[in-house]
């Protein structure tokens, strides 16, 4: 069974999620519940590392990221022989491709 490894960016994402819900939406109870649900979701990856979908099937970018949806949030992770590495946890409404692949997305909007 692979070990779970959390990237510092994913930890920051969880803190931001908790703070946003607790402070901006003024609902600290919901903040704790949402973060707990996200953590419970990615903890299952230790036992079932391939349960998330392959991101490269959904987008036109070659990547080894997998993703797992937890309510309104998406957990992006990678799997190898030893670890399930949680890379980012992002709100599903954000432009997560630009966040994950800033150098691979064409940012120009010019008409050709």
PDB file of N, CA and C in Angstrom:
ATOM      1  N   UNK A   1       0.844  -1.180   0.000  1.00  0.00           N
ATOM      2  CA  UNK A   1       0.000   0.000   0.000  1.00  0.00           C
ATOM      3  C   UNK A   1       0.891   1.246   0.000  1.00  0.00           C
ATOM      4  N   UNK A   2       0.654   2.155  -0.956  1.00  0.00           N
ATOM      5  CA  UNK A   2       1.484   3.364  -1.017  1.00  0.00           C
ATOM      6  C   UNK A   2       1.229   4.295   0.174  1.00  0.00           C
ATOM      7  N   UNK A   3       2.241   5.094   0.460  1.00  0.00           N
ATOM      8  CA  UNK A   3       2.129   6.096   1.513  1.00  0.00           C
ATOM      9  C   UNK A   3       1.568   7.380   0.911  1.00  0.00           C
ATOM     10  N   UNK A   4       0.925   8.159   1.758  1.00  0.00           N
ATOM     11  CA  UNK A   4       0.375   9.434   1.319  1.00  0.00           C
ATOM     12  C   UNK A   4       1.384  10.531   1.590  1.00  0.00           C
ATOM     13  N   UNK A   5       1.604  11.366   0.589  1.00  0.00           N
ATOM     14  CA  UNK A   5       2.523  12.496   0.728  1.00  0.00           C
ATOM     15  C   UNK A   5       1.777  13.754   0.274  1.00  0.00           C
ATOM     16  N   UNK A   6       1.792  14.782   1.132  1.00  0.00           N
ATOM     17  CA  UNK A   6       1.058  16.012   0.853  1.00  0.00           C
ATOM     18  C   UNK A   6       2.039  17.115   0.490  1.00  0.00           C
ATOM     19  N   UNK A   7       1.886  17.665  -0.697  1.00  0.00           N
ATOM     20  CA  UNK A   7       2.706  18.774  -1.154  1.00  0.00           C
ATOM     21  C   UNK A   7       2.365  20.023  -0.330  1.00  0.00           C
ATOM     22  N   UNK A   8       3.353  20.861  -0.020  1.00  0.00           N
ATOM     23  CA  UNK A   8       3.055  22.100   0.718  1.00  0.00           C
ATOM     24  C   UNK A   8       1.990  22.975   0.048  1.00  0.00           C
ATOM     25  N   UNK A   9       1.924  22.962  -1.279  1.00  0.00           N
ATOM     26  CA  UNK A   9       0.881  23.727  -1.973  1.00  0.00           C
ATOM     27  C   UNK A   9      -0.511  23.197  -1.633  1.00  0.00           C
ATOM     28  N   UNK A  10      -0.641  21.884  -1.509  1.00  0.00           N
ATOM     29  CA  UNK A  10      -1.935  21.293  -1.148  1.00  0.00           C
ATOM     30  C   UNK A  10      -2.312  21.665   0.282  1.00  0.00           C
ATOM     31  N   UNK A  11      -1.329  21.713   1.159  1.00  0.00           N
ATOM     32  CA  UNK A  11      -1.583  22.138   2.535  1.00  0.00           C
ATOM     33  C   UNK A  11      -2.055  23.590   2.552  1.00  0.00           C
ATOM     34  N   UNK A  12      -1.394  24.438   1.772  1.00  0.00           N
ATOM     35  CA  UNK A  12      -1.816  25.838   1.661  1.00  0.00           C
ATOM     36  C   UNK A  12      -3.230  25.936   1.087  1.00  0.00           C
ATOM     37  N   UNK A  13      -3.540  25.091   0.105  1.00  0.00           N
ATOM     38  CA  UNK A  13      -4.879  25.090  -0.477  1.00  0.00           C
ATOM     39  C   UNK A  13      -5.932  24.789   0.588  1.00  0.00           C
ATOM     40  N   UNK A  14      -5.679  23.787   1.419  1.00  0.00           N
ATOM     41  CA  UNK A  14      -6.629  23.435   2.481  1.00  0.00           C
ATOM     42  C   UNK A  14      -6.818  24.580   3.469  1.00  0.00           C
ATOM     43  N   UNK A  15      -5.737  25.239   3.808  1.00  0.00           N
ATOM     44  CA  UNK A  15      -5.816  26.381   4.723  1.00  0.00           C
ATOM     45  C   UNK A  15      -6.642  27.504   4.093  1.00  0.00           C
ATOM     46  N   UNK A  16      -6.397  27.765   2.816  1.00  0.00           N
ATOM     47  CA  UNK A  16      -7.154  28.811   2.114  1.00  0.00           C
ATOM     48  C   UNK A  16      -8.641  28.464   2.024  1.00  0.00           C
ATOM     49  N   UNK A  17      -8.946  27.213   1.753  1.00  0.00           N
ATOM     50  CA  UNK A  17     -10.341  26.763   1.687  1.00  0.00           C
ATOM     51  C   UNK A  17     -11.017  26.981   3.036  1.00  0.00           C
ATOM     52  N   UNK A  18     -10.353  26.537   4.098  1.00  0.00           N
ATOM     53  CA  UNK A  18     -10.905  26.675   5.449  1.00  0.00           C
ATOM     54  C   UNK A  18     -11.111  28.144   5.800  1.00  0.00           C
ATOM     55  N   UNK A  19     -10.109  28.972   5.541  1.00  0.00           N
ATOM     56  CA  UNK A  19     -10.207  30.394   5.863  1.00  0.00           C
ATOM     57  C   UNK A  19     -11.300  31.088   5.058  1.00  0.00           C
ATOM     58  N   UNK A  20     -11.402  30.761   3.795  1.00  0.00           N
ATOM     59  CA  UNK A  20     -12.421  31.398   2.955  1.00  0.00           C
ATOM     60  C   UNK A  20     -13.824  31.083   3.480  1.00  0.00           C
ATOM     61  N   UNK A  21     -14.082  29.811   3.737  1.00  0.00           N
ATOM     62  CA  UNK A  21     -15.422  29.430   4.201  1.00  0.00           C
ATOM     63  C   UNK A  21     -15.698  29.994   5.594  1.00  0.00           C
ATOM     64  N   UNK A  22     -14.706  29.925   6.469  1.00  0.00           N
ATOM     65  CA  UNK A  22     -14.895  30.394   7.847  1.00  0.00           C
ATOM     66  C   UNK A  22     -15.032  31.910   7.933  1.00  0.00           C
ATOM     67  N   UNK A  23     -14.199  32.635   7.192  1.00  0.00           N
ATOM     68  CA  UNK A  23     -14.160  34.093   7.332  1.00  0.00           C
ATOM     69  C   UNK A  23     -15.027  34.814   6.307  1.00  0.00           C
ATOM     70  N   UNK A  24     -14.826  34.504   5.034  1.00  0.00           N
ATOM     71  CA  UNK A  24     -15.572  35.211   3.993  1.00  0.00           C
ATOM     72  C   UNK A  24     -17.048  34.805   3.986  1.00  0.00           C
ATOM     73  N   UNK A  25     -17.301  33.522   4.149  1.00  0.00           N
ATOM     74  CA  UNK A  25     -18.687  33.045   4.158  1.00  0.00           C
ATOM     75  C   UNK A  25     -19.260  32.990   5.573  1.00  0.00           C
ATOM     76  N   UNK A  26     -18.412  33.295   6.539  1.00  0.00           N
ATOM     77  CA  UNK A  26     -18.806  33.349   7.947  1.00  0.00           C
ATOM     78  C   UNK A  26     -19.485  32.069   8.426  1.00  0.00           C
ATOM     79  N   UNK A  27     -18.841  30.937   8.092  1.00  0.00           N
ATOM     80  CA  UNK A  27     -19.401  29.658   8.504  1.00  0.00           C
ATOM     81  C   UNK A  27     -18.273  28.709   8.929  1.00  0.00           C
ATOM     82  N   UNK A  28     -17.734  28.900  10.144  1.00  0.00           N
ATOM     83  CA  UNK A  28     -16.620  28.075  10.598  1.00  0.00           C
ATOM     84  C   UNK A  28     -16.948  26.581  10.707  1.00  0.00           C
ATOM     85  N   UNK A  29     -18.187  26.271  11.028  1.00  0.00           N
ATOM     86  CA  UNK A  29     -18.572  24.854  11.116  1.00  0.00           C
ATOM     87  C   UNK A  29     -18.494  24.196   9.745  1.00  0.00           C
ATOM     88  N   UNK A  30     -19.009  24.879   8.744  1.00  0.00           N
ATOM     89  CA  UNK A  30     -18.939  24.348   7.373  1.00  0.00           C
ATOM     90  C   UNK A  30     -17.494  24.236   6.918  1.00  0.00           C
ATOM     91  N   UNK A  31     -16.658  25.198   7.298  1.00  0.00           N
ATOM     92  CA  UNK A  31     -15.247  25.166   6.914  1.00  0.00           C
ATOM     93  C   UNK A  31     -14.583  23.889   7.417  1.00  0.00           C
ATOM     94  N   UNK A  32     -14.813  23.571   8.661  1.00  0.00           N
ATOM     95  CA  UNK A  32     -14.228  22.354   9.240  1.00  0.00           C
ATOM     96  C   UNK A  32     -14.775  21.120   8.544  1.00  0.00           C
ATOM     97  N   UNK A  33     -16.072  21.089   8.292  1.00  0.00           N
ATOM     98  CA  UNK A  33     -16.689  19.933   7.643  1.00  0.00           C
ATOM     99  C   UNK A  33     -16.187  19.731   6.218  1.00  0.00           C
ATOM    100  N   UNK A  34     -16.030  20.814   5.465  1.00  0.00           N
ATOM    101  CA  UNK A  34     -15.554  20.703   4.077  1.00  0.00           C
ATOM    102  C   UNK A  34     -14.121  20.183   4.057  1.00  0.00           C
ATOM    103  N   UNK A  35     -13.260  20.755   4.888  1.00  0.00           N
ATOM    104  CA  UNK A  35     -11.867  20.309   4.925  1.00  0.00           C
ATOM    105  C   UNK A  35     -11.782  18.857   5.373  1.00  0.00           C
ATOM    106  N   UNK A  36     -12.578  18.489   6.359  1.00  0.00           N
ATOM    107  CA  UNK A  36     -12.580  17.096   6.831  1.00  0.00           C
ATOM    108  C   UNK A  36     -13.016  16.153   5.710  1.00  0.00           C
ATOM    109  N   UNK A  37     -14.020  16.552   4.942  1.00  0.00           N
ATOM    110  CA  UNK A  37     -14.495  15.707   3.843  1.00  0.00           C
ATOM    111  C   UNK A  37     -13.419  15.551   2.766  1.00  0.00           C
ATOM    112  N   UNK A  38     -12.722  16.626   2.455  1.00  0.00           N
ATOM    113  CA  UNK A  38     -11.635  16.555   1.467  1.00  0.00           C
ATOM    114  C   UNK A  38     -10.545  15.599   1.955  1.00  0.00           C
ATOM    115  N   UNK A  39     -10.149  15.747   3.204  1.00  0.00           N
ATOM    116  CA  UNK A  39      -9.109  14.873   3.764  1.00  0.00           C
ATOM    117  C   UNK A  39      -9.569  13.423   3.769  1.00  0.00           C
ATOM    118  N   UNK A  40     -10.808  13.176   4.179  1.00  0.00           N
ATOM    119  CA  UNK A  40     -11.344  11.807   4.148  1.00  0.00           C
ATOM    120  C   UNK A  40     -11.302  11.240   2.739  1.00  0.00           C
ATOM    121  N   UNK A  41     -11.600  12.080   1.749  1.00  0.00           N
ATOM    122  CA  UNK A  41     -11.578  11.626   0.348  1.00  0.00           C
ATOM    123  C   UNK A  41     -10.178  11.202  -0.064  1.00  0.00           C
ATOM    124  N   UNK A  42      -9.182  12.056   0.187  1.00  0.00           N
ATOM    125  CA  UNK A  42      -7.848  11.689  -0.287  1.00  0.00           C
ATOM    126  C   UNK A  42      -7.179  10.632   0.581  1.00  0.00           C
ATOM    127  N   UNK A  43      -7.628  10.449   1.809  1.00  0.00           N
ATOM    128  CA  UNK A  43      -7.097   9.352   2.640  1.00  0.00           C
ATOM    129  C   UNK A  43      -7.417   7.984   2.016  1.00  0.00           C
ATOM    130  N   UNK A  44      -8.539   7.889   1.317  1.00  0.00           N
ATOM    131  CA  UNK A  44      -8.929   6.633   0.660  1.00  0.00           C
ATOM    132  C   UNK A  44      -7.946   6.238  -0.437  1.00  0.00           C
ATOM    133  N   UNK A  45      -7.190   7.223  -0.932  1.00  0.00           N
ATOM    134  CA  UNK A  45      -6.230   6.934  -2.002  1.00  0.00           C
ATOM    135  C   UNK A  45      -5.104   6.023  -1.529  1.00  0.00           C
ATOM    136  N   UNK A  46      -4.848   5.978  -0.237  1.00  0.00           N
ATOM    137  CA  UNK A  46      -3.821   5.053   0.275  1.00  0.00           C
ATOM    138  C   UNK A  46      -4.203   3.617  -0.054  1.00  0.00           C
ATOM    139  N   UNK A  47      -5.477   3.315   0.061  1.00  0.00           N
ATOM    140  CA  UNK A  47      -5.941   1.963  -0.200  1.00  0.00           C
ATOM    141  C   UNK A  47      -6.314   1.741  -1.666  1.00  0.00           C
ATOM    142  N   UNK A  48      -6.817   2.795  -2.308  1.00  0.00           N
ATOM    143  CA  UNK A  48      -7.258   2.702  -3.703  1.00  0.00           C
ATOM    144  C   UNK A  48      -6.638   3.842  -4.515  1.00  0.00           C
ATOM    145  N   UNK A  49      -5.339   3.793  -4.784  1.00  0.00           N
ATOM    146  CA  UNK A  49      -4.662   4.920  -5.418  1.00  0.00           C
ATOM    147  C   UNK A  49      -5.142   5.251  -6.830  1.00  0.00           C
ATOM    148  N   UNK A  50      -5.739   4.309  -7.513  1.00  0.00           N
ATOM    149  CA  UNK A  50      -6.164   4.556  -8.889  1.00  0.00           C
ATOM    150  C   UNK A  50      -7.652   4.899  -8.985  1.00  0.00           C
ATOM    151  N   UNK A  51      -8.293   5.170  -7.839  1.00  0.00           N
ATOM    152  CA  UNK A  51      -9.734   5.424  -7.874  1.00  0.00           C
ATOM    153  C   UNK A  51     -10.084   6.750  -8.544  1.00  0.00           C
ATOM    154  N   UNK A  52      -9.178   7.697  -8.564  1.00  0.00           N
ATOM    155  CA  UNK A  52      -9.420   8.951  -9.270  1.00  0.00           C
ATOM    156  C   UNK A  52      -9.237   8.765 -10.764  1.00  0.00           C
ATOM    157  N   UNK A  53      -9.738   9.716 -11.516  1.00  0.00           N
ATOM    158  CA  UNK A  53      -9.660   9.644 -12.978  1.00  0.00           C
ATOM    159  C   UNK A  53      -8.315  10.176 -13.484  1.00  0.00           C
ATOM    160  N   UNK A  54      -7.922   9.708 -14.645  1.00  0.00           N
ATOM    161  CA  UNK A  54      -6.705  10.151 -15.320  1.00  0.00           C
ATOM    162  C   UNK A  54      -6.977  11.511 -15.957  1.00  0.00           C
ATOM    163  N   UNK A  55      -6.259  12.544 -15.533  1.00  0.00           N
ATOM    164  CA  UNK A  55      -6.500  13.898 -16.032  1.00  0.00           C
ATOM    165  C   UNK A  55      -6.201  14.029 -17.525  1.00  0.00           C
ATOM    166  N   UNK A  56      -5.227  13.282 -18.041  1.00  0.00           N
ATOM    167  CA  UNK A  56      -4.861  13.417 -19.456  1.00  0.00           C
ATOM    168  C   UNK A  56      -5.973  12.955 -20.386  1.00  0.00           C
ATOM    169  N   UNK A  57      -6.913  12.167 -19.887  1.00  0.00           N
ATOM    170  CA  UNK A  57      -8.057  11.755 -20.692  1.00  0.00           C
ATOM    171  C   UNK A  57      -9.038  12.916 -20.846  1.00  0.00           C
ATOM    172  N   UNK A  58      -9.099  13.784 -19.845  1.00  0.00           N
ATOM    173  CA  UNK A  58     -10.054  14.900 -19.839  1.00  0.00           C
ATOM    174  C   UNK A  58      -9.522  16.135 -20.560  1.00  0.00           C
ATOM    175  N   UNK A  59      -8.217  16.337 -20.532  1.00  0.00           N
ATOM    176  CA  UNK A  59      -7.631  17.538 -21.127  1.00  0.00           C
ATOM    177  C   UNK A  59      -6.630  17.154 -22.206  1.00  0.00           C
ATOM    178  N   UNK A  60      -6.320  18.090 -23.056  1.00  0.00           N
ATOM    179  CA  UNK A  60      -5.401  17.846 -24.162  1.00  0.00           C
ATOM    180  C   UNK A  60      -3.968  18.205 -23.761  1.00  0.00           C
ATOM    181  N   UNK A  61      -3.555  17.702 -22.606  1.00  0.00           N
ATOM    182  CA  UNK A  61      -2.202  17.929 -22.099  1.00  0.00           C
ATOM    183  C   UNK A  61      -1.685  16.588 -21.597  1.00  0.00           C
ATOM    184  N   UNK A  62      -0.482  16.248 -21.995  1.00  0.00           N
ATOM    185  CA  UNK A  62       0.111  14.997 -21.519  1.00  0.00           C
ATOM    186  C   UNK A  62       0.545  15.191 -20.063  1.00  0.00           C
ATOM    187  N   UNK A  63      -0.030  14.403 -19.158  1.00  0.00           N
ATOM    188  CA  UNK A  63       0.266  14.535 -17.745  1.00  0.00           C
ATOM    189  C   UNK A  63       0.038  13.208 -17.033  1.00  0.00           C
ATOM    190  N   UNK A  64       0.709  13.037 -15.911  1.00  0.00           N
ATOM    191  CA  UNK A  64       0.484  11.849 -15.089  1.00  0.00           C
ATOM    192  C   UNK A  64      -0.399  12.163 -13.878  1.00  0.00           C
ATOM    193  N   UNK A  65      -0.984  13.355 -13.866  1.00  0.00           N
ATOM    194  CA  UNK A  65      -1.916  13.697 -12.791  1.00  0.00           C
ATOM    195  C   UNK A  65      -3.184  12.858 -12.881  1.00  0.00           C
ATOM    196  N   UNK A  66      -3.686  12.516 -11.726  1.00  0.00           N
ATOM    197  CA  UNK A  66      -5.014  11.948 -11.583  1.00  0.00           C
ATOM    198  C   UNK A  66      -5.805  12.951 -10.764  1.00  0.00           C
ATOM    199  N   UNK A  67      -7.116  12.823 -10.759  1.00  0.00           N
ATOM    200  CA  UNK A  67      -7.904  13.751  -9.954  1.00  0.00           C
ATOM    201  C   UNK A  67      -9.075  13.037  -9.298  1.00  0.00           C
ATOM    202  N   UNK A  68      -9.462  13.605  -8.176  1.00  0.00           N
ATOM    203  CA  UNK A  68     -10.546  13.072  -7.365  1.00  0.00           C
ATOM    204  C   UNK A  68     -11.434  14.242  -6.981  1.00  0.00           C
ATOM    205  N   UNK A  69     -12.723  14.121  -7.212  1.00  0.00           N
ATOM    206  CA  UNK A  69     -13.655  15.190  -6.878  1.00  0.00           C
ATOM    207  C   UNK A  69     -14.195  14.964  -5.472  1.00  0.00           C
ATOM    208  N   UNK A  70     -14.150  16.025  -4.674  1.00  0.00           N
ATOM    209  CA  UNK A  70     -14.704  15.998  -3.327  1.00  0.00           C
ATOM    210  C   UNK A  70     -15.567  17.244  -3.167  1.00  0.00           C
ATOM    211  N   UNK A  71     -16.872  17.076  -3.293  1.00  0.00           N
ATOM    212  CA  UNK A  71     -17.826  18.194  -3.285  1.00  0.00           C
ATOM    213  C   UNK A  71     -17.465  19.183  -4.389  1.00  0.00           C
ATOM    214  N   UNK A  72     -17.207  20.430  -4.016  1.00  0.00           N
ATOM    215  CA  UNK A  72     -16.872  21.463  -4.997  1.00  0.00           C
ATOM    216  C   UNK A  72     -15.371  21.607  -5.226  1.00  0.00           C
ATOM    217  N   UNK A  73     -14.602  20.645  -4.784  1.00  0.00           N
ATOM    218  CA  UNK A  73     -13.145  20.733  -4.854  1.00  0.00           C
ATOM    219  C   UNK A  73     -12.583  19.545  -5.611  1.00  0.00           C
ATOM    220  N   UNK A  74     -11.431  19.766  -6.235  1.00  0.00           N
ATOM    221  CA  UNK A  74     -10.759  18.706  -6.989  1.00  0.00           C
ATOM    222  C   UNK A  74      -9.380  18.504  -6.387  1.00  0.00           C
ATOM    223  N   UNK A  75      -9.088  17.257  -6.050  1.00  0.00           N
ATOM    224  CA  UNK A  75      -7.784  16.877  -5.515  1.00  0.00           C
ATOM    225  C   UNK A  75      -6.964  16.343  -6.684  1.00  0.00           C
ATOM    226  N   UNK A  76      -5.845  16.987  -6.957  1.00  0.00           N
ATOM    227  CA  UNK A  76      -4.947  16.559  -8.028  1.00  0.00           C
ATOM    228  C   UNK A  76      -3.772  15.824  -7.402  1.00  0.00           C
ATOM    229  N   UNK A  77      -3.473  14.642  -7.938  1.00  0.00           N
ATOM    230  CA  UNK A  77      -2.421  13.828  -7.328  1.00  0.00           C
ATOM    231  C   UNK A  77      -1.709  12.981  -8.369  1.00  0.00           C
ATOM    232  N   UNK A  78      -0.575  12.437  -7.945  1.00  0.00           N
ATOM    233  CA  UNK A  78       0.214  11.523  -8.771  1.00  0.00           C
ATOM    234  C   UNK A  78       0.462  10.247  -7.971  1.00  0.00           C
ATOM    235  N   UNK A  79       0.632   9.161  -8.697  1.00  0.00           N
ATOM    236  CA  UNK A  79       0.860   7.861  -8.066  1.00  0.00           C
ATOM    237  C   UNK A  79       2.151   7.269  -8.605  1.00  0.00           C
ATOM    238  N   UNK A  80       2.991   6.758  -7.692  1.00  0.00           N
ATOM    239  CA  UNK A  80       4.134   5.949  -8.111  1.00  0.00           C
ATOM    240  C   UNK A  80       4.153   4.701  -7.231  1.00  0.00           C
ATOM    241  N   UNK A  81       5.214   3.918  -7.313  1.00  0.00           N
ATOM    242  CA  UNK A  81       5.263   2.652  -6.575  1.00  0.00           C
ATOM    243  C   UNK A  81       5.228   2.842  -5.063  1.00  0.00           C
ATOM    244  N   UNK A  82       5.732   3.970  -4.591  1.00  0.00           N
ATOM    245  CA  UNK A  82       5.866   4.179  -3.159  1.00  0.00           C
ATOM    246  C   UNK A  82       4.859   5.170  -2.567  1.00  0.00           C
ATOM    247  N   UNK A  83       4.451   6.165  -3.371  1.00  0.00           N
ATOM    248  CA  UNK A  83       3.639   7.253  -2.829  1.00  0.00           C
ATOM    249  C   UNK A  83       2.412   7.585  -3.680  1.00  0.00           C
ATOM    250  N   UNK A  84       1.405   8.076  -2.991  1.00  0.00           N
ATOM    251  CA  UNK A  84       0.338   8.853  -3.601  1.00  0.00           C
ATOM    252  C   UNK A  84       0.641  10.273  -3.154  1.00  0.00           C
ATOM    253  N   UNK A  85       0.987  11.126  -4.098  1.00  0.00           N
ATOM    254  CA  UNK A  85       1.400  12.499  -3.794  1.00  0.00           C
ATOM    255  C   UNK A  85       0.280  13.467  -4.130  1.00  0.00           C
ATOM    256  N   UNK A  86      -0.284  14.072  -3.090  1.00  0.00           N
ATOM    257  CA  UNK A  86      -1.332  15.069  -3.272  1.00  0.00           C
ATOM    258  C   UNK A  86      -0.642  16.368  -3.649  1.00  0.00           C
ATOM    259  N   UNK A  87      -0.959  16.874  -4.839  1.00  0.00           N
ATOM    260  CA  UNK A  87      -0.253  18.049  -5.354  1.00  0.00           C
ATOM    261  C   UNK A  87      -1.015  19.345  -5.102  1.00  0.00           C
ATOM    262  N   UNK A  88      -2.275  19.405  -5.486  1.00  0.00           N
ATOM    263  CA  UNK A  88      -3.096  20.610  -5.286  1.00  0.00           C
ATOM    264  C   UNK A  88      -4.522  20.196  -4.948  1.00  0.00           C
ATOM    265  N   UNK A  89      -5.231  21.099  -4.263  1.00  0.00           N
ATOM    266  CA  UNK A  89      -6.650  20.934  -3.968  1.00  0.00           C
ATOM    267  C   UNK A  89      -7.297  22.264  -4.341  1.00  0.00           C
ATOM    268  N   UNK A  90      -8.080  22.256  -5.418  1.00  0.00           N
ATOM    269  CA  UNK A  90      -8.585  23.498  -5.985  1.00  0.00           C
ATOM    270  C   UNK A  90     -10.103  23.480  -6.113  1.00  0.00           C
ATOM    271  N   UNK A  91     -10.688  24.658  -5.970  1.00  0.00           N
ATOM    272  CA  UNK A  91     -12.123  24.818  -6.172  1.00  0.00           C
ATOM    273  C   UNK A  91     -12.437  24.477  -7.625  1.00  0.00           C
ATOM    274  N   UNK A  92     -13.457  23.689  -7.834  1.00  0.00           N
ATOM    275  CA  UNK A  92     -13.781  23.205  -9.182  1.00  0.00           C
ATOM    276  C   UNK A  92     -14.129  24.335 -10.149  1.00  0.00           C
ATOM    277  N   UNK A  93     -14.571  25.470  -9.638  1.00  0.00           N
ATOM    278  CA  UNK A  93     -14.928  26.591 -10.489  1.00  0.00           C
ATOM    279  C   UNK A  93     -13.751  27.421 -10.958  1.00  0.00           C
ATOM    280  N   UNK A  94     -12.586  27.142 -10.419  1.00  0.00           N
ATOM    281  CA  UNK A  94     -11.387  27.887 -10.837  1.00  0.00           C
ATOM    282  C   UNK A  94     -10.854  27.327 -12.154  1.00  0.00           C
ATOM    283  N   UNK A  95     -10.017  28.089 -12.809  1.00  0.00           N
ATOM    284  CA  UNK A  95      -9.380  27.634 -14.040  1.00  0.00           C
ATOM    285  C   UNK A  95      -8.158  26.798 -13.649  1.00  0.00           C
ATOM    286  N   UNK A  96      -8.428  25.589 -13.212  1.00  0.00           N
ATOM    287  CA  UNK A  96      -7.373  24.742 -12.649  1.00  0.00           C
ATOM    288  C   UNK A  96      -6.299  24.365 -13.664  1.00  0.00           C
ATOM    289  N   UNK A  97      -6.635  24.325 -14.946  1.00  0.00           N
ATOM    290  CA  UNK A  97      -5.604  24.001 -15.938  1.00  0.00           C
ATOM    291  C   UNK A  97      -4.537  25.085 -15.996  1.00  0.00           C
ATOM    292  N   UNK A  98      -4.936  26.331 -15.911  1.00  0.00           N
ATOM    293  CA  UNK A  98      -3.956  27.429 -15.907  1.00  0.00           C
ATOM    294  C   UNK A  98      -3.126  27.420 -14.625  1.00  0.00           C
ATOM    295  N   UNK A  99      -3.707  26.951 -13.543  1.00  0.00           N
ATOM    296  CA  UNK A  99      -2.970  26.862 -12.282  1.00  0.00           C
ATOM    297  C   UNK A  99      -1.977  25.704 -12.329  1.00  0.00           C
ATOM    298  N   UNK A 100      -2.414  24.561 -12.833  1.00  0.00           N
ATOM    299  CA  UNK A 100      -1.550  23.374 -12.871  1.00  0.00           C
ATOM    300  C   UNK A 100      -0.500  23.430 -13.976  1.00  0.00           C
ATOM    301  N   UNK A 101      -0.872  24.014 -15.109  1.00  0.00           N
ATOM    302  CA  UNK A 101       0.005  24.015 -16.278  1.00  0.00           C
ATOM    303  C   UNK A 101       0.178  25.421 -16.837  1.00  0.00           C
ATOM    304  N   UNK A 102       0.732  26.341 -16.068  1.00  0.00           N
ATOM    305  CA  UNK A 102       0.800  27.738 -16.526  1.00  0.00           C
ATOM    306  C   UNK A 102       1.637  27.932 -17.790  1.00  0.00           C
ATOM    307  N   UNK A 103       2.595  27.069 -18.045  1.00  0.00           N
ATOM    308  CA  UNK A 103       3.464  27.226 -19.219  1.00  0.00           C
ATOM    309  C   UNK A 103       2.978  26.449 -20.433  1.00  0.00           C
ATOM    310  N   UNK A 104       1.923  25.652 -20.255  1.00  0.00           N
ATOM    311  CA  UNK A 104       1.460  24.816 -21.359  1.00  0.00           C
ATOM    312  C   UNK A 104       0.128  25.267 -21.936  1.00  0.00           C
ATOM    313  N   UNK A 105      -0.472  26.285 -21.357  1.00  0.00           N
ATOM    314  CA  UNK A 105      -1.761  26.792 -21.837  1.00  0.00           C
ATOM    315  C   UNK A 105      -1.484  28.049 -22.645  1.00  0.00           C
ATOM    316  N   UNK A 106      -2.034  28.093 -23.848  1.00  0.00           N
ATOM    317  CA  UNK A 106      -1.879  29.285 -24.691  1.00  0.00           C
ATOM    318  C   UNK A 106      -2.729  30.400 -24.106  1.00  0.00           C
ATOM    319  N   UNK A 107      -2.075  31.452 -23.632  1.00  0.00           N
ATOM    320  CA  UNK A 107      -2.770  32.554 -22.985  1.00  0.00           C
ATOM    321  C   UNK A 107      -3.164  33.661 -23.956  1.00  0.00           C
ATOM    322  N   UNK A 108      -2.821  33.523 -25.230  1.00  0.00           N
ATOM    323  CA  UNK A 108      -3.158  34.584 -26.178  1.00  0.00           C
ATOM    324  C   UNK A 108      -4.603  34.424 -26.634  1.00  0.00           C
ATOM    325  N   UNK A 109      -5.252  35.548 -26.808  1.00  0.00           N
ATOM    326  CA  UNK A 109      -6.627  35.558 -27.238  1.00  0.00           C
ATOM    327  C   UNK A 109      -6.782  36.291 -28.567  1.00  0.00           C
ATOM    328  N   UNK A 110      -5.685  36.464 -29.283  1.00  0.00           N
ATOM    329  CA  UNK A 110      -5.720  37.182 -30.534  1.00  0.00           C
ATOM    330  C   UNK A 110      -6.370  36.345 -31.620  1.00  0.00           C
ATOM    331  N   UNK A 111      -7.133  37.011 -32.489  1.00  0.00           N
ATOM    332  CA  UNK A 111      -7.712  36.318 -33.640  1.00  0.00           C
ATOM    333  C   UNK A 111      -6.615  36.130 -34.687  1.00  0.00           C
ATOM    334  N   UNK A 112      -6.642  34.975 -35.293  1.00  0.00           N
ATOM    335  CA  UNK A 112      -5.605  34.705 -36.303  1.00  0.00           C
ATOM    336  C   UNK A 112      -6.153  34.873 -37.690  1.00  0.00           C
TER     337      UNK A 112
END
